[in-house]
Amino acid sequence: MLTLSIETSDYVGGVALIRDGRPVAEVGLAGKETHSRRLMVIIKWLMQRLGSDWSDLGLLAVSLGPGSFTGLRIGLSTAKGLAFALGLPLIGVPTLDALASHVIACKGDLVCPVLDARKSQVYTAIYQIKSSGELEKISPYHAIFPEELAALVPDGQRVLLLGGGLLLYQDIFVRGLGDRAIIVPGHMAYVRAASVGILAELRWQKDRRPDDFKTLKPIYVRPSEAEAKKPVLRLQPLNPEF
């Protein structure tokens, strides 16, 4: 089975083709051009270079966020359009889950991906390595200030930190966590479309239950700027004299 995977949660996006849990082709999309202008072009080019046709696809995968609101909408709308046009199952994968999957660690170790959320905040969550080697999310998805991250990590446990948020706030994280903080190398800092696709395949193999592409929504974690500024309508009580 061939899986087409789309990742547009950040300015470093990507497209990948996965077969049986292994990436067979992948392209990164870093640059100033918007995802909307290049995404379908890259998808078509990648499939042509691999010698594949639309009929070869068996599954679609897309990152759900948190991340860039605009990027997530572009990626999800593209994936939904393909799912509808091709009649293929679609699976959404949380962006932080995909990033955390880059780490190989020991049983009981904690993994903490951190993404730049703008407004001096980061998107993050805490994961723990199970005896099977799989990751288990043990916290909600958060949008927090960097100084607040240390409070999310249980006392006495070391934590592996990775992600683009380290480029901005690594000193703050290390100051709060001390020698419990282990910095994962920078080449693993960005979410890969291949990671999104591999996690989607694993889920598909377990239960064969796709997401409903009609109702699938991005994971925003916090309201958009437009929503935050939306005025609240306050109803005044009726004057009993009228």
Protein backbone atom coordinates (compact mmCIF):
# COMPACT_ATOMS: atom_id res chain seq x y z
CA MET A 1 0.00 0.00 0.00
CA LEU A 2 1.23 3.50 -0.84
CA THR A 3 0.43 6.35 1.55
CA LEU A 4 0.57 10.01 0.57
CA SER A 5 1.42 12.21 3.55
CA ILE A 6 1.15 16.00 3.85
CA GLU A 7 2.76 18.20 6.53
CA THR A 8 2.08 21.96 6.49
CA SER A 9 2.02 22.94 10.17
CA ASP A 10 5.11 25.17 9.88
CA TYR A 11 7.06 27.06 7.23
CA VAL A 12 9.14 23.89 6.87
CA GLY A 13 6.50 21.58 5.42
CA GLY A 14 6.73 18.48 3.31
CA VAL A 15 5.20 15.73 1.23
CA ALA A 16 6.10 12.05 1.49
CA LEU A 17 5.15 8.72 0.01
CA ILE A 18 5.22 5.78 2.44
CA ARG A 19 5.06 2.08 1.64
CA ASP A 20 4.75 -0.52 4.41
CA GLY A 21 6.05 1.80 7.09
CA ARG A 22 9.04 3.07 5.13
CA PRO A 23 9.44 6.36 3.26
CA VAL A 24 10.12 5.79 -0.43
CA ALA A 25 10.11 9.48 -1.42
CA GLU A 26 10.03 12.76 0.48
CA VAL A 27 10.37 16.44 -0.35
CA GLY A 28 10.79 19.34 2.11
CA LEU A 29 8.99 22.61 1.43
CA ALA A 30 11.06 25.23 3.25
CA GLY A 31 11.01 28.71 1.73
CA LYS A 32 9.03 31.93 1.43
CA GLU A 33 6.49 30.63 -1.09
CA THR A 34 3.20 29.72 0.57
CA HIS A 35 2.08 26.10 0.87
CA SER A 36 -1.00 26.88 -1.22
CA ARG A 37 1.14 27.76 -4.25
CA ARG A 38 3.43 24.74 -4.19
CA LEU A 39 1.72 21.85 -2.40
CA MET A 40 -0.14 20.20 -5.30
CA VAL A 41 2.78 20.90 -7.64
CA ILE A 42 5.14 19.02 -5.33
CA ILE A 43 2.67 16.15 -4.83
CA LYS A 44 2.29 15.63 -8.59
CA TRP A 45 6.04 15.96 -9.19
CA LEU A 46 6.90 13.49 -6.43
CA MET A 47 4.49 10.88 -7.73
CA GLN A 48 5.78 11.29 -11.28
CA ARG A 49 9.38 10.88 -10.15
CA LEU A 50 8.42 7.70 -8.31
CA GLY A 51 6.52 6.45 -11.35
CA SER A 52 3.28 6.21 -9.39
CA ASP A 53 -0.29 7.00 -10.36
CA TRP A 54 -3.22 8.18 -8.24
CA SER A 55 -4.61 4.65 -8.42
CA ASP A 56 -1.54 3.39 -6.55
CA LEU A 57 -2.51 5.29 -3.40
CA GLY A 58 -4.29 3.42 -0.62
CA LEU A 59 -4.22 5.96 2.22
CA LEU A 60 -3.90 9.70 2.81
CA ALA A 61 -2.29 11.27 5.88
CA VAL A 62 -2.15 14.88 7.03
CA SER A 63 -0.74 16.71 10.04
CA LEU A 64 -3.44 18.28 12.22
CA GLY A 65 -1.41 20.72 14.29
CA PRO A 66 -0.91 22.58 16.45
CA GLY A 67 0.98 24.93 14.20
CA SER A 68 0.41 27.70 11.69
CA PHE A 69 -3.35 28.22 11.41
CA THR A 70 -3.10 29.08 7.71
CA GLY A 71 -0.71 26.21 6.94
CA LEU A 72 -2.93 23.69 8.71
CA ARG A 73 -6.00 24.81 6.80
CA ILE A 74 -4.14 24.54 3.49
CA GLY A 75 -2.85 21.05 4.24
CA LEU A 76 -6.15 19.75 5.54
CA SER A 77 -8.21 21.21 2.70
CA THR A 78 -5.84 19.64 0.17
CA ALA A 79 -6.01 16.26 1.91
CA LYS A 80 -9.81 16.44 2.14
CA GLY A 81 -10.10 17.32 -1.53
CA LEU A 82 -7.95 14.35 -2.51
CA ALA A 83 -9.86 12.02 -0.18
CA PHE A 84 -13.14 13.08 -1.79
CA ALA A 85 -11.89 12.99 -5.38
CA LEU A 86 -10.02 9.67 -5.09
CA GLY A 87 -12.35 7.93 -2.62
CA LEU A 88 -9.44 7.21 -0.25
CA PRO A 89 -9.38 6.91 3.56
CA LEU A 90 -7.84 9.88 5.37
CA ILE A 91 -6.10 9.88 8.74
CA GLY A 92 -5.11 13.02 10.64
CA VAL A 93 -2.02 12.91 12.84
CA PRO A 94 -1.31 15.46 15.61
CA THR A 95 1.84 17.38 14.73
CA LEU A 96 3.43 17.02 18.15
CA ASP A 97 2.89 13.24 18.05
CA ALA A 98 4.77 13.06 14.75
CA LEU A 99 7.64 15.18 16.06
CA ALA A 100 7.94 13.16 19.28
CA SER A 101 8.16 9.95 17.24
CA HIS A 102 11.61 11.03 15.99
CA VAL A 103 13.14 10.07 19.34
CA ILE A 104 14.38 6.62 20.29
CA ALA A 105 14.78 6.40 24.07
CA CYS A 106 14.65 4.00 27.01
CA LYS A 107 11.57 2.77 28.86
CA GLY A 108 10.23 5.44 31.19
CA ASP A 109 12.06 8.34 29.54
CA LEU A 110 10.07 11.48 28.79
CA VAL A 111 9.97 13.21 25.43
CA CYS A 112 8.94 16.84 25.02
CA PRO A 113 8.56 18.32 21.52
CA VAL A 114 8.39 22.12 21.42
CA LEU A 115 7.21 24.18 18.46
CA ASP A 116 7.26 27.95 18.10
CA ALA A 117 3.69 29.16 18.68
CA ARG A 118 4.50 32.86 18.14
CA LYS A 119 3.46 35.47 20.72
CA SER A 120 6.44 34.32 22.88
CA GLN A 121 4.83 30.91 23.42
CA VAL A 122 5.49 27.30 22.43
CA TYR A 123 3.24 24.38 21.57
CA THR A 124 4.19 21.30 23.56
CA ALA A 125 3.11 18.06 25.22
CA ILE A 126 4.79 15.41 27.37
CA TYR A 127 5.22 11.80 26.19
CA GLN A 128 6.57 8.72 27.95
CA ILE A 129 8.31 5.72 26.43
CA LYS A 130 6.41 2.50 27.19
CA SER A 131 7.98 -0.93 27.59
CA SER A 132 7.00 -1.68 23.98
CA GLY A 133 9.04 1.31 22.84
CA GLU A 134 5.92 3.21 21.79
CA LEU A 135 5.15 6.74 22.91
CA GLU A 136 2.27 7.49 25.27
CA LYS A 137 1.05 11.09 25.59
CA ILE A 138 0.72 11.86 29.30
CA SER A 139 -0.30 15.50 29.09
CA PRO A 140 -2.70 17.59 27.00
CA TYR A 141 -1.44 19.68 24.10
CA HIS A 142 -0.40 23.06 25.49
CA ALA A 143 0.34 26.58 24.29
CA ILE A 144 2.51 27.99 27.10
CA PHE A 145 5.27 30.46 27.80
CA PRO A 146 8.76 28.87 27.80
CA GLU A 147 9.23 29.55 31.52
CA GLU A 148 6.22 27.33 32.25
CA LEU A 149 7.55 24.20 30.59
CA ALA A 150 9.62 22.92 33.53
CA ALA A 151 6.46 22.69 35.66
CA LEU A 152 4.99 20.15 33.21
CA VAL A 153 7.87 17.69 33.75
CA PRO A 154 7.51 15.35 36.77
CA ASP A 155 10.18 15.89 39.43
CA GLY A 156 13.29 13.77 39.16
CA GLN A 157 12.76 12.61 35.58
CA ARG A 158 14.95 13.47 32.66
CA VAL A 159 13.30 14.72 29.48
CA LEU A 160 14.42 14.74 25.87
CA LEU A 161 13.65 18.08 24.22
CA LEU A 162 13.37 18.59 20.48
CA GLY A 163 11.76 20.90 17.97
CA GLY A 164 12.00 24.35 16.46
CA GLY A 165 11.15 25.96 19.81
CA LEU A 166 14.67 25.12 20.99
CA LEU A 167 16.13 27.61 18.51
CA LEU A 168 14.41 30.39 20.43
CA TYR A 169 14.11 29.20 24.02
CA GLN A 170 16.68 26.47 24.71
CA ASP A 171 18.44 28.52 27.41
CA ILE A 172 15.15 29.04 29.25
CA PHE A 173 14.29 25.33 29.11
CA VAL A 174 17.72 24.28 30.37
CA ARG A 175 17.62 26.88 33.12
CA GLY A 176 14.32 25.52 34.37
CA LEU A 177 15.12 21.81 34.06
CA GLY A 178 18.84 21.77 34.85
CA ASP A 179 20.72 18.58 34.06
CA ARG A 180 17.41 16.74 33.54
CA ALA A 181 17.15 18.38 30.10
CA ILE A 182 18.61 16.39 27.22
CA ILE A 183 18.77 18.30 23.94
CA VAL A 184 18.02 16.18 20.86
CA PRO A 185 20.24 17.06 17.84
CA GLY A 186 18.96 19.78 15.54
CA HIS A 187 18.55 17.58 12.46
CA MET A 188 15.52 16.06 14.21
CA ALA A 189 13.98 19.43 15.04
CA TYR A 190 11.33 19.68 12.33
CA VAL A 191 8.24 17.61 11.70
CA ARG A 192 8.63 15.37 8.68
CA ALA A 193 5.83 14.37 6.35
CA ALA A 194 7.28 10.86 6.48
CA SER A 195 6.72 10.70 10.25
CA VAL A 196 3.10 11.78 9.79
CA GLY A 197 2.59 9.08 7.16
CA ILE A 198 4.21 6.33 9.19
CA LEU A 199 2.03 7.07 12.24
CA ALA A 200 -1.05 7.13 10.01
CA GLU A 201 -0.16 3.72 8.57
CA LEU A 202 0.33 2.26 12.05
CA ARG A 203 -3.10 3.46 13.10
CA TRP A 204 -4.68 2.16 9.90
CA GLN A 205 -3.14 -1.27 10.47
CA LYS A 206 -4.59 -1.41 14.00
CA ASP A 207 -8.24 -0.65 13.35
CA ARG A 208 -8.84 0.22 9.66
CA ARG A 209 -10.90 3.20 10.82
CA PRO A 210 -10.24 6.41 8.89
CA ASP A 211 -11.24 9.87 10.03
CA ASP A 212 -14.37 11.44 8.61
CA PHE A 213 -12.92 13.92 6.14
CA LYS A 214 -16.12 15.97 6.32
CA THR A 215 -15.71 16.71 10.03
CA LEU A 216 -11.94 16.41 10.55
CA LYS A 217 -10.55 19.67 11.99
CA PRO A 218 -7.11 21.05 12.83
CA ILE A 219 -5.83 21.04 16.41
CA TYR A 220 -5.41 24.74 17.15
CA VAL A 221 -4.91 24.51 20.98
CA ARG A 222 -5.61 28.22 21.32
CA PRO A 223 -8.07 30.55 19.55
CA SER A 224 -6.96 32.43 16.47
CA GLU A 225 -6.19 36.14 16.74
CA ALA A 226 -9.46 36.94 14.97
CA GLU A 227 -11.41 34.78 17.44
CA ALA A 228 -9.62 36.31 20.41
CA LYS A 229 -10.54 39.81 19.25
CA LYS A 230 -14.14 38.91 18.42
CA PRO A 231 -16.46 41.16 20.41
CA VAL A 232 -18.74 39.48 22.93
CA LEU A 233 -22.42 40.22 22.47
CA ARG A 234 -23.95 41.08 25.81
CA LEU A 235 -27.73 41.04 26.00
CA GLN A 236 -29.34 43.75 28.08
CA PRO A 237 -32.33 42.85 30.28
CA LEU A 238 -35.69 43.99 28.94
CA ASN A 239 -37.15 47.13 30.48
CA PRO A 240 -40.40 46.00 32.14
CA GLU A 241 -41.94 49.42 31.46
CA PHE A 242 -42.21 48.63 27.71
